[in-house]
N, C-alpha and C. Protein backbone atom coordinates (compact mmCIF):
# COMPACT_ATOMS: atom_id res chain seq x y z
N UNK A 1 126.92 81.70 105.06
CA UNK A 1 126.98 83.11 105.30
C UNK A 1 125.69 83.71 104.76
N UNK A 2 125.02 84.55 105.42
CA UNK A 2 123.71 85.11 105.05
C UNK A 2 124.15 86.65 104.98
N UNK A 3 123.64 87.18 103.77
CA UNK A 3 123.75 88.62 103.73
C UNK A 3 122.31 89.28 103.40
N UNK A 4 122.15 90.31 104.03
CA UNK A 4 120.97 91.17 103.94
C UNK A 4 121.13 92.46 103.59
N UNK A 5 120.35 92.91 102.64
CA UNK A 5 120.40 94.24 102.03
C UNK A 5 118.98 94.87 102.28
N UNK A 6 118.99 95.87 103.23
CA UNK A 6 117.77 96.47 103.55
C UNK A 6 117.85 97.96 103.13
N UNK A 7 116.84 98.37 102.45
CA UNK A 7 116.62 99.78 101.78
C UNK A 7 115.34 100.39 102.55
N UNK A 8 115.72 101.51 103.16
CA UNK A 8 114.72 102.27 103.90
C UNK A 8 114.55 103.65 103.37
N UNK A 9 113.40 104.11 103.22
CA UNK A 9 113.14 105.60 102.59
C UNK A 9 112.59 106.24 103.46
N UNK A 10 113.15 107.40 104.01
CA UNK A 10 112.46 108.31 104.94
C UNK A 10 111.57 109.36 104.25
N UNK A 11 110.60 109.84 104.83
CA UNK A 11 109.72 110.93 104.41
C UNK A 11 110.69 112.05 104.18
N UNK A 12 110.32 112.82 103.29
CA UNK A 12 111.12 114.03 103.06
C UNK A 12 110.88 115.03 104.27
N UNK A 13 111.96 115.53 104.81
CA UNK A 13 112.01 116.27 105.94
C UNK A 13 112.19 115.55 107.20
N UNK A 14 112.29 114.16 107.17
CA UNK A 14 112.41 113.28 108.22
C UNK A 14 113.89 112.48 108.15
N UNK A 15 114.65 112.95 107.14
CA UNK A 15 115.88 112.28 106.98
C UNK A 15 116.89 112.30 108.13
N UNK A 16 116.97 113.42 108.78
CA UNK A 16 117.90 113.50 110.02
C UNK A 16 117.47 112.67 111.02
N UNK A 17 116.23 112.66 111.31
CA UNK A 17 115.65 111.86 112.56
C UNK A 17 116.12 110.24 112.07
N UNK A 18 115.78 109.81 110.86
CA UNK A 18 115.94 108.52 110.34
C UNK A 18 117.53 108.11 110.46
N UNK A 19 118.39 109.14 110.04
CA UNK A 19 119.86 108.76 110.08
C UNK A 19 120.16 108.59 111.52
N UNK A 20 119.72 109.48 112.39
CA UNK A 20 119.98 109.43 113.89
C UNK A 20 119.72 107.97 114.49
N UNK A 21 118.51 107.66 114.09
CA UNK A 21 117.88 106.30 114.75
C UNK A 21 118.76 105.16 114.10
N UNK A 22 119.01 105.15 112.86
CA UNK A 22 119.84 104.10 112.19
C UNK A 22 121.28 104.02 112.62
N UNK A 23 121.96 105.21 112.81
CA UNK A 23 123.35 105.41 113.31
C UNK A 23 123.39 104.66 114.77
N UNK A 24 122.37 105.03 115.49
CA UNK A 24 122.29 104.38 116.97
C UNK A 24 122.41 102.97 116.91
N UNK A 25 121.90 102.35 115.94
CA UNK A 25 122.02 100.92 115.90
C UNK A 25 123.38 100.24 115.97
N UNK A 26 124.30 101.02 115.28
CA UNK A 26 125.56 100.45 114.99
C UNK A 26 126.29 99.97 116.34
N UNK A 27 126.34 100.79 117.47
CA UNK A 27 127.25 100.25 118.50
C UNK A 27 126.32 99.12 119.24
N UNK A 28 125.03 99.12 119.12
CA UNK A 28 124.27 98.19 119.76
C UNK A 28 124.40 96.70 119.00
N UNK A 29 124.58 96.74 117.65
CA UNK A 29 124.81 95.55 116.97
C UNK A 29 126.25 94.99 117.03
N UNK A 30 127.17 95.87 117.27
CA UNK A 30 128.53 95.56 117.13
C UNK A 30 128.84 94.36 118.16
N UNK A 31 128.23 94.19 119.34
CA UNK A 31 128.65 93.06 120.20
C UNK A 31 127.72 91.84 120.03
N UNK A 32 126.97 91.79 118.85
CA UNK A 32 126.10 90.74 118.65
C UNK A 32 126.96 89.52 118.14
N UNK A 33 126.85 88.24 118.85
CA UNK A 33 127.57 87.15 118.34
C UNK A 33 127.14 86.58 116.93
N UNK A 34 128.00 86.54 116.03
CA UNK A 34 127.56 85.94 114.71
C UNK A 34 127.12 87.17 113.68
N UNK A 35 127.20 88.40 114.08
CA UNK A 35 126.94 89.35 113.20
C UNK A 35 128.39 89.92 112.66
N UNK A 36 128.63 89.63 111.43
CA UNK A 36 130.03 89.88 110.82
C UNK A 36 130.14 91.39 110.32
N UNK A 37 129.12 91.83 109.68
CA UNK A 37 129.07 93.43 109.07
C UNK A 37 127.71 93.81 109.31
N UNK A 38 127.70 95.16 109.66
CA UNK A 38 126.45 95.98 109.79
C UNK A 38 126.58 97.27 109.26
N UNK A 39 126.46 97.60 108.09
CA UNK A 39 127.17 98.85 107.47
C UNK A 39 126.07 99.77 107.00
N UNK A 40 125.98 100.92 107.51
CA UNK A 40 124.86 101.87 106.97
C UNK A 40 125.41 102.82 105.94
N UNK A 41 124.55 102.98 104.94
CA UNK A 41 124.90 103.81 103.73
C UNK A 41 123.87 104.88 103.44
N UNK A 42 123.98 105.83 102.71
CA UNK A 42 123.02 106.73 102.30
C UNK A 42 123.21 106.88 100.71
N UNK A 43 122.16 106.92 100.09
CA UNK A 43 122.21 107.19 98.54
C UNK A 43 122.77 108.47 98.24
N UNK A 44 123.68 108.52 97.28
CA UNK A 44 124.32 109.88 96.84
C UNK A 44 123.39 110.79 96.24
N UNK A 45 122.44 110.18 95.54
CA UNK A 45 121.49 111.19 94.95
C UNK A 45 120.04 111.27 95.61
N UNK A 46 119.95 110.79 96.90
CA UNK A 46 118.77 110.88 97.56
C UNK A 46 118.89 110.89 98.95
N UNK A 47 118.93 111.98 99.66
CA UNK A 47 119.21 111.99 101.27
C UNK A 47 118.29 111.32 101.98
N UNK A 48 117.08 110.96 101.35
CA UNK A 48 115.95 110.18 102.27
C UNK A 48 116.26 108.66 102.20
N UNK A 49 117.23 108.18 101.34
CA UNK A 49 117.35 106.72 101.08
C UNK A 49 118.55 106.15 101.73
N UNK A 50 118.31 105.39 102.57
CA UNK A 50 119.43 104.46 103.41
C UNK A 50 119.43 103.01 103.05
N UNK A 51 120.60 102.53 103.14
CA UNK A 51 120.88 101.10 102.90
C UNK A 51 121.67 100.46 104.02
N UNK A 52 121.28 99.42 104.54
CA UNK A 52 121.95 98.67 105.40
C UNK A 52 122.57 97.39 104.74
N UNK A 53 123.84 97.12 104.74
CA UNK A 53 124.42 95.86 104.15
C UNK A 53 124.91 95.14 105.54
N UNK A 54 124.36 93.95 105.65
CA UNK A 54 124.54 93.17 106.69
C UNK A 54 124.99 91.78 106.45
N UNK A 55 125.94 91.29 107.21
CA UNK A 55 126.28 89.81 107.04
C UNK A 55 126.38 89.10 108.32
N UNK A 56 125.89 87.83 108.29
CA UNK A 56 125.79 87.00 109.42
C UNK A 56 126.36 85.62 109.33
N UNK A 57 126.86 85.10 110.33
CA UNK A 57 127.59 83.87 110.17
C UNK A 57 126.54 82.74 109.77
N UNK A 58 125.34 82.78 110.18
CA UNK A 58 124.25 81.84 109.85
C UNK A 58 122.92 82.18 110.15
N UNK A 59 122.10 81.39 109.93
CA UNK A 59 120.65 81.83 110.06
C UNK A 59 120.36 82.11 111.52
N UNK A 60 120.95 81.31 112.48
CA UNK A 60 120.70 81.39 113.87
C UNK A 60 121.19 82.81 114.36
N UNK A 61 122.32 83.46 113.78
CA UNK A 61 122.82 84.68 114.13
C UNK A 61 121.82 85.84 113.51
N UNK A 62 121.30 85.56 112.22
CA UNK A 62 120.32 86.59 111.78
C UNK A 62 119.01 86.52 112.66
N UNK A 63 118.50 85.26 112.98
CA UNK A 63 117.41 85.21 113.82
C UNK A 63 117.54 85.85 115.16
N UNK A 64 118.73 85.75 115.74
CA UNK A 64 119.08 86.41 117.03
C UNK A 64 118.97 88.03 116.87
N UNK A 65 119.55 88.36 115.95
CA UNK A 65 119.66 89.89 115.51
C UNK A 65 118.10 90.40 115.42
N UNK A 66 117.29 89.71 114.77
CA UNK A 66 115.88 90.16 114.60
C UNK A 66 115.09 90.07 115.88
N UNK A 67 115.61 89.20 116.69
CA UNK A 67 114.64 89.14 118.01
C UNK A 67 115.20 90.11 119.18
N UNK A 68 116.26 90.85 118.80
CA UNK A 68 116.82 91.72 120.03
C UNK A 68 116.00 92.87 120.37
N UNK A 69 115.98 93.19 121.65
CA UNK A 69 115.17 94.41 122.02
C UNK A 69 115.56 95.73 121.10
N UNK A 70 116.75 95.91 120.83
CA UNK A 70 117.17 96.97 120.04
C UNK A 70 116.60 96.99 118.57
N UNK A 71 116.35 95.96 118.04
CA UNK A 71 115.74 95.88 116.70
C UNK A 71 114.26 96.31 116.76
N UNK A 72 113.66 95.65 117.79
CA UNK A 72 112.32 96.08 118.03
C UNK A 72 112.11 97.51 118.28
N UNK A 73 112.99 98.10 119.21
CA UNK A 73 112.88 99.48 119.41
C UNK A 73 113.16 100.36 118.19
N UNK A 74 114.12 99.89 117.24
CA UNK A 74 114.38 100.69 116.19
C UNK A 74 113.01 100.91 115.17
N UNK A 75 112.38 99.61 114.98
CA UNK A 75 111.28 99.75 114.22
C UNK A 75 110.11 100.54 114.85
N UNK A 76 110.04 100.58 116.09
CA UNK A 76 109.14 101.34 116.73
C UNK A 76 109.43 102.92 116.40
N UNK A 77 110.73 103.22 116.56
CA UNK A 77 111.19 104.54 116.33
C UNK A 77 110.90 105.12 114.91
N UNK A 78 111.21 104.27 113.98
CA UNK A 78 111.12 104.69 112.46
C UNK A 78 109.96 104.53 111.85
N UNK A 79 108.96 103.77 112.36
CA UNK A 79 107.78 103.54 111.69
C UNK A 79 107.01 104.87 111.08
N UNK A 80 107.10 105.88 112.04
CA UNK A 80 106.47 107.05 111.57
C UNK A 80 107.23 107.98 110.68
N UNK A 81 108.57 107.54 110.53
CA UNK A 81 109.51 108.30 109.70
C UNK A 81 109.54 107.67 108.18
N UNK A 82 109.18 106.54 108.14
CA UNK A 82 109.23 105.90 106.74
C UNK A 82 108.25 106.41 105.64
N UNK A 83 108.86 106.56 104.46
CA UNK A 83 107.98 106.97 103.40
C UNK A 83 107.25 105.70 102.77
N UNK A 84 107.72 104.56 103.03
CA UNK A 84 107.18 103.27 102.49
C UNK A 84 107.76 102.14 103.34
N UNK A 85 107.33 100.92 103.01
CA UNK A 85 107.81 99.74 103.76
C UNK A 85 109.21 99.46 103.40
N UNK A 86 110.05 99.15 104.30
CA UNK A 86 111.47 98.77 103.91
C UNK A 86 111.48 97.63 102.94
N UNK A 87 112.49 97.64 102.07
CA UNK A 87 112.62 96.59 101.12
C UNK A 87 113.97 95.94 101.66
N UNK A 88 113.64 94.62 102.11
CA UNK A 88 114.78 93.69 102.56
C UNK A 88 114.96 92.51 101.82
N UNK A 89 116.04 92.17 101.21
CA UNK A 89 116.42 91.10 100.38
C UNK A 89 117.44 90.43 101.09
N UNK A 90 117.44 88.96 101.26
CA UNK A 90 118.33 88.11 101.76
C UNK A 90 119.11 87.35 100.58
N UNK A 91 120.38 87.16 100.84
CA UNK A 91 121.21 86.47 99.96
C UNK A 91 122.03 85.47 100.49
N UNK A 92 122.64 84.49 99.86
CA UNK A 92 123.48 83.58 100.37
C UNK A 92 124.91 83.89 99.71
N UNK A 93 125.90 84.29 100.60
CA UNK A 93 127.26 84.55 99.91
C UNK A 93 127.79 83.51 99.28
N UNK A 94 128.27 83.61 97.96
CA UNK A 94 128.84 82.43 97.09
C UNK A 94 130.44 82.52 97.11
N UNK A 95 130.77 83.70 96.91
CA UNK A 95 132.24 84.00 96.74
C UNK A 95 132.55 85.38 97.11
N UNK A 96 133.76 85.69 97.63
CA UNK A 96 134.18 87.02 97.83
C UNK A 96 135.79 87.07 97.84
N UNK A 97 136.05 88.33 97.80
CA UNK A 97 137.63 88.63 97.69
C UNK A 97 138.06 88.77 99.10
């Protein structure tokens, strides 16, 4: 199981546009084979900071997700909204409840 934690920071004043673009991804990702979880969060103390928690069945599912037209479209939309490069970390799930 592959887990991805992606943190994205919007420019001040662009957080609503960023949220709309990120929220629009949820229904598009929902039907991806091998995508187990794709959960959007906002930091409680910073309305410009967003986090995606993602789980994929395997590397092939993650690779497929990254190659989809909707992911390419997302990065095209949010590029001008970002305050900094996204911070994306990948993990291997070891244990869960």
